[in-house]
């Protein structure tokens, strides 16, 4: 006798999500509480074999965060450094009422915009209904591409409503790998539920490291495992490679991106 499952003739194992080749969520020293420069982040991405990395420092409402001028000056960062595509972005702070802590004209200049709820940034919601409404409203914002760490237990939400809104608006929901280990304690069950609902409803997801030091850039192990456990299809992962991420961002209305072919020449 054996306890091993017996393969059925003709059965095909479901395709599994693989490690992305672009990290969409990385913080530099500009965030005020992270520890690596842009050059060090790029070196970390290259060491991991990534095609690209997004510099997504916190918006100015976060205590110690960068000034508006930081985001306007991101144009000085080359779009390609040491063979790595560098996306110039932000993890903006949700303020409520569909508002973020950067104005649309500043957000429009960026390559990628994440938005999330963070303490001490001016958001005053205190209930599941208020947190849910804040995220639903910001997914209607014309400059928001990805909702960062929606599984944060500090801000519990109606995950079903969030996933349905993600499907409707085309916004991606981040499965944040650091939420399973060193950030936002007790996030894992929430992240798994979000992943399950995304698999069920067909919502788009993004995998981010949320690295605050260059050695953590491209660390996606826990997030990938969660997506595969939930049955998320590879095609749902917007940053599975650089081409799919750029295509997603262009669908979301980004106009500052270079054509993939142009920067490869």
Protein backbone atom coordinates (compact mmCIF):
# COMPACT_ATOMS: atom_id res chain seq x y z
CA UNK A 1 0.00 0.00 0.00
CA UNK A 2 1.07 3.55 -0.62
CA UNK A 3 -0.24 6.94 0.44
CA UNK A 4 1.08 8.62 -2.68
CA UNK A 5 -1.56 9.98 -5.07
CA UNK A 6 -1.96 8.01 -8.27
CA UNK A 7 -1.76 10.08 -11.45
CA UNK A 8 -4.81 9.89 -13.64
CA UNK A 9 -4.15 9.19 -17.29
CA UNK A 10 -4.19 12.42 -19.26
CA UNK A 11 -4.24 14.63 -16.15
CA UNK A 12 -2.31 17.90 -16.48
CA UNK A 13 -0.89 19.63 -13.41
CA UNK A 14 -1.97 23.27 -13.15
CA UNK A 15 0.65 25.75 -14.30
CA UNK A 16 2.37 27.39 -11.35
CA UNK A 17 3.45 30.99 -10.82
CA UNK A 18 7.17 31.45 -11.08
CA UNK A 19 9.49 33.98 -9.51
CA UNK A 20 8.91 37.40 -11.16
CA UNK A 21 11.75 39.10 -13.01
CA UNK A 22 10.74 42.60 -11.88
CA UNK A 23 10.40 43.88 -8.32
CA UNK A 24 7.61 46.49 -8.19
CA UNK A 25 8.03 47.58 -4.55
CA UNK A 26 11.40 48.76 -3.23
CA UNK A 27 12.34 51.59 -0.86
CA UNK A 28 15.56 53.61 -0.96
CA UNK A 29 17.19 55.81 1.67
CA UNK A 30 14.85 58.58 0.48
CA UNK A 31 11.97 56.94 2.39
CA UNK A 32 13.72 57.86 5.63
CA UNK A 33 13.63 54.37 7.13
CA UNK A 34 15.31 52.28 4.42
CA UNK A 35 19.00 51.67 4.01
CA UNK A 36 20.15 51.48 0.38
CA UNK A 37 20.80 53.92 -2.44
CA UNK A 38 19.37 53.59 -5.93
CA UNK A 39 22.74 52.31 -7.17
CA UNK A 40 22.83 49.66 -4.43
CA UNK A 41 19.25 48.63 -5.21
CA UNK A 42 20.10 48.24 -8.90
CA UNK A 43 23.15 46.17 -7.98
CA UNK A 44 20.94 43.96 -5.79
CA UNK A 45 18.45 43.53 -8.62
CA UNK A 46 21.23 42.62 -11.05
CA UNK A 47 22.65 40.09 -8.58
CA UNK A 48 19.22 38.42 -8.39
CA UNK A 49 19.03 38.31 -12.18
CA UNK A 50 16.06 40.70 -12.37
CA UNK A 51 15.13 42.49 -15.56
CA UNK A 52 13.79 45.51 -13.70
CA UNK A 53 13.15 47.18 -10.37
CA UNK A 54 10.76 49.93 -9.28
CA UNK A 55 11.93 52.59 -6.83
CA UNK A 56 8.75 53.25 -4.86
CA UNK A 57 9.59 55.47 -1.92
CA UNK A 58 6.81 56.56 0.40
CA UNK A 59 4.83 59.69 -0.37
CA UNK A 60 5.54 62.91 1.54
CA UNK A 61 2.81 62.41 4.18
CA UNK A 62 4.81 59.64 5.86
CA UNK A 63 6.92 61.05 8.71
CA UNK A 64 10.49 61.25 7.45
CA UNK A 65 9.38 60.62 3.88
CA UNK A 66 10.67 62.48 0.83
CA UNK A 67 9.51 65.93 -0.23
CA UNK A 68 7.48 66.50 -3.37
CA UNK A 69 10.69 67.65 -5.06
CA UNK A 70 12.11 64.13 -4.73
CA UNK A 71 9.42 62.77 -7.02
CA UNK A 72 9.73 65.59 -9.51
CA UNK A 73 13.52 64.96 -9.61
CA UNK A 74 13.21 61.23 -10.32
CA UNK A 75 13.63 62.15 -13.99
CA UNK A 76 17.37 62.38 -13.27
CA UNK A 77 17.52 58.61 -12.68
CA UNK A 78 18.35 56.85 -15.97
CA UNK A 79 15.67 54.42 -17.15
CA UNK A 80 18.34 51.74 -17.52
CA UNK A 81 21.22 51.28 -15.08
CA UNK A 82 23.77 48.49 -15.48
CA UNK A 83 21.37 46.62 -17.74
CA UNK A 84 18.45 46.83 -15.29
CA UNK A 85 15.26 48.70 -16.23
CA UNK A 86 14.58 51.21 -13.44
CA UNK A 87 10.97 52.31 -12.96
CA UNK A 88 10.58 55.60 -11.16
CA UNK A 89 7.59 55.45 -8.85
CA UNK A 90 5.98 55.97 -5.47
CA UNK A 91 4.14 54.13 -2.75
CA UNK A 92 1.62 56.88 -2.16
CA UNK A 93 -0.32 57.20 1.07
CA UNK A 94 -4.09 56.87 0.95
CA UNK A 95 -5.67 59.83 2.73
CA UNK A 96 -9.34 58.91 2.29
CA UNK A 97 -12.00 60.25 -0.04
CA UNK A 98 -10.10 58.93 -3.05
CA UNK A 99 -7.14 61.22 -2.34
CA UNK A 100 -3.41 60.51 -2.16
CA UNK A 101 -0.54 62.53 -0.74
CA UNK A 102 0.74 63.50 -4.20
CA UNK A 103 -1.29 65.49 -6.70
CA UNK A 104 -2.25 64.01 -10.06
CA UNK A 105 0.23 66.16 -12.01
CA UNK A 106 3.13 64.72 -9.97
CA UNK A 107 1.83 61.16 -10.15
CA UNK A 108 1.36 61.44 -13.90
CA UNK A 109 5.12 61.94 -14.37
CA UNK A 110 5.94 58.59 -12.77
CA UNK A 111 6.36 55.15 -14.32
CA UNK A 112 4.42 53.29 -11.64
CA UNK A 113 2.14 54.24 -8.72
CA UNK A 114 1.41 52.04 -5.72
CA UNK A 115 -1.05 53.22 -3.08
CA UNK A 116 -1.54 51.90 0.43
CA UNK A 117 -2.77 52.66 3.92
CA UNK A 118 -0.10 53.69 6.44
CA UNK A 119 -0.25 54.95 10.00
CA UNK A 120 0.59 58.56 10.80
CA UNK A 121 -0.09 59.86 7.31
CA UNK A 122 -3.37 61.68 7.74
CA UNK A 123 -5.82 58.84 7.14
CA UNK A 124 -8.43 58.80 9.92
CA UNK A 125 -10.65 55.81 9.13
CA UNK A 126 -11.33 53.47 12.04
CA UNK A 127 -13.62 50.70 10.83
CA UNK A 128 -13.71 47.89 8.27
CA UNK A 129 -16.29 49.85 6.29
CA UNK A 130 -14.15 53.01 6.27
CA UNK A 131 -10.95 51.16 5.33
CA UNK A 132 -12.79 49.31 2.57
CA UNK A 133 -14.32 52.51 1.21
CA UNK A 134 -10.93 54.25 1.22
CA UNK A 135 -9.37 51.52 -0.92
CA UNK A 136 -12.38 51.17 -3.21
CA UNK A 137 -12.32 54.92 -3.87
CA UNK A 138 -8.60 55.10 -4.54
CA UNK A 139 -8.88 52.27 -7.09
CA UNK A 140 -10.97 54.75 -9.10
CA UNK A 141 -8.04 57.21 -9.06
CA UNK A 142 -6.73 57.60 -12.62
CA UNK A 143 -3.08 57.38 -11.53
CA UNK A 144 -3.19 54.32 -9.27
CA UNK A 145 -1.81 51.09 -10.72
CA UNK A 146 -1.38 48.77 -7.72
CA UNK A 147 -2.76 48.60 -4.17
CA UNK A 148 0.11 47.84 -1.80
CA UNK A 149 -0.17 45.25 1.01
CA UNK A 150 -4.00 45.17 1.17
CA UNK A 151 -3.72 42.32 3.69
CA UNK A 152 -2.41 44.59 6.44
CA UNK A 153 -4.32 43.54 9.60
CA UNK A 154 -4.04 47.07 11.03
CA UNK A 155 -6.55 48.07 8.32
CA UNK A 156 -8.99 45.15 7.94
CA UNK A 157 -11.17 45.38 4.85
CA UNK A 158 -13.88 43.50 3.00
CA UNK A 159 -11.59 41.44 0.80
CA UNK A 160 -14.39 40.31 -1.49
CA UNK A 161 -15.34 43.90 -2.28
CA UNK A 162 -11.69 44.88 -2.83
CA UNK A 163 -11.10 42.01 -5.26
CA UNK A 164 -14.30 42.75 -7.18
CA UNK A 165 -13.26 46.40 -7.52
CA UNK A 166 -9.83 45.28 -8.70
CA UNK A 167 -11.48 43.23 -11.44
CA UNK A 168 -13.71 46.12 -12.44
CA UNK A 169 -10.97 48.77 -12.56
CA UNK A 170 -8.06 46.60 -13.74
CA UNK A 171 -6.04 47.60 -10.67
CA UNK A 172 -3.55 44.99 -9.43
CA UNK A 173 -3.48 43.88 -5.79
CA UNK A 174 -0.05 43.33 -4.29
CA UNK A 175 0.84 40.11 -2.56
CA UNK A 176 3.63 41.54 -0.46
CA UNK A 177 6.32 38.99 0.33
CA UNK A 178 7.62 40.73 3.43
CA UNK A 179 4.11 40.59 4.93
CA UNK A 180 4.73 36.89 5.53
CA UNK A 181 7.86 37.47 7.60
CA UNK A 182 9.19 40.80 8.90
CA UNK A 183 6.44 43.34 8.19
CA UNK A 184 2.83 43.72 9.29
CA UNK A 185 2.59 40.83 11.78
CA UNK A 186 -0.32 38.42 11.22
CA UNK A 187 -0.79 39.43 7.59
CA UNK A 188 -0.32 35.92 6.18
CA UNK A 189 -3.92 34.64 6.57
CA UNK A 190 -5.26 37.82 4.99
CA UNK A 191 -2.82 37.62 2.08
CA UNK A 192 -3.80 34.01 1.48
CA UNK A 193 -7.49 34.94 1.46
CA UNK A 194 -6.85 37.76 -1.00
CA UNK A 195 -4.89 35.38 -3.22
CA UNK A 196 -7.72 32.83 -3.06
CA UNK A 197 -10.30 35.44 -4.06
CA UNK A 198 -8.05 36.73 -6.86
CA UNK A 199 -7.76 33.18 -8.20
CA UNK A 200 -11.53 32.75 -8.00
CA UNK A 201 -12.46 36.10 -9.57
CA UNK A 202 -9.54 36.49 -12.00
CA UNK A 203 -8.17 39.70 -10.46
CA UNK A 204 -4.69 40.88 -11.36
CA UNK A 205 -1.95 40.57 -8.77
CA UNK A 206 1.53 42.02 -8.37
CA UNK A 207 4.31 40.44 -6.33
CA UNK A 208 6.51 42.85 -4.38
CA UNK A 209 9.41 42.37 -2.00
CA UNK A 210 8.84 45.65 -0.13
CA UNK A 211 12.62 45.63 0.29
CA UNK A 212 14.11 48.26 2.59
CA UNK A 213 17.67 47.11 1.93
CA UNK A 214 19.31 46.01 -1.31
CA UNK A 215 19.91 42.42 -0.20
CA UNK A 216 16.12 41.88 0.00
CA UNK A 217 15.37 43.10 -3.53
CA UNK A 218 13.70 40.30 -5.49
CA UNK A 219 12.91 38.16 -2.42
CA UNK A 220 9.54 36.74 -3.44
CA UNK A 221 9.59 33.22 -1.98
CA UNK A 222 6.62 33.49 0.39
CA UNK A 223 4.43 35.48 -2.00
CA UNK A 224 4.96 33.03 -4.87
CA UNK A 225 4.18 30.11 -2.56
CA UNK A 226 0.95 31.80 -1.44
CA UNK A 227 -0.19 32.40 -5.01
CA UNK A 228 0.47 28.80 -5.97
CA UNK A 229 -1.31 27.55 -2.86
CA UNK A 230 -4.32 29.68 -3.82
CA UNK A 231 -4.33 28.58 -7.45
CA UNK A 232 -3.57 31.97 -9.01
CA UNK A 233 -2.70 31.57 -12.68
CA UNK A 234 0.65 32.88 -13.95
CA UNK A 235 -1.19 35.13 -16.43
CA UNK A 236 -2.72 37.04 -13.50
CA UNK A 237 0.72 38.18 -12.24
CA UNK A 238 1.41 41.52 -13.90
CA UNK A 239 5.14 41.59 -13.11
CA UNK A 240 5.96 38.03 -14.08
CA UNK A 241 8.41 39.60 -16.54
CA UNK A 242 9.30 43.06 -17.79
CA UNK A 243 7.24 42.87 -20.96
CA UNK A 244 4.05 41.94 -19.07
CA UNK A 245 4.61 44.68 -16.50
CA UNK A 246 5.16 47.35 -19.13
CA UNK A 247 2.07 46.18 -21.02
CA UNK A 248 0.03 46.39 -17.80
CA UNK A 249 1.30 49.89 -17.01
CA UNK A 250 0.56 51.09 -20.51
CA UNK A 251 -2.99 49.73 -20.22
CA UNK A 252 -3.27 51.68 -16.97
CA UNK A 253 -2.47 54.87 -18.87
CA UNK A 254 1.25 55.29 -18.19
CA UNK A 255 2.79 57.44 -20.94
CA UNK A 256 6.28 57.98 -19.51
CA UNK A 257 7.42 54.44 -20.26
CA UNK A 258 9.93 53.68 -22.97
CA UNK A 259 8.96 51.04 -25.53
CA UNK A 260 10.64 47.80 -24.52
CA UNK A 261 12.51 47.62 -27.84
CA UNK A 262 13.93 51.12 -27.50
CA UNK A 263 15.86 50.55 -24.30
CA UNK A 264 17.09 47.11 -25.38
CA UNK A 265 18.84 48.52 -28.46
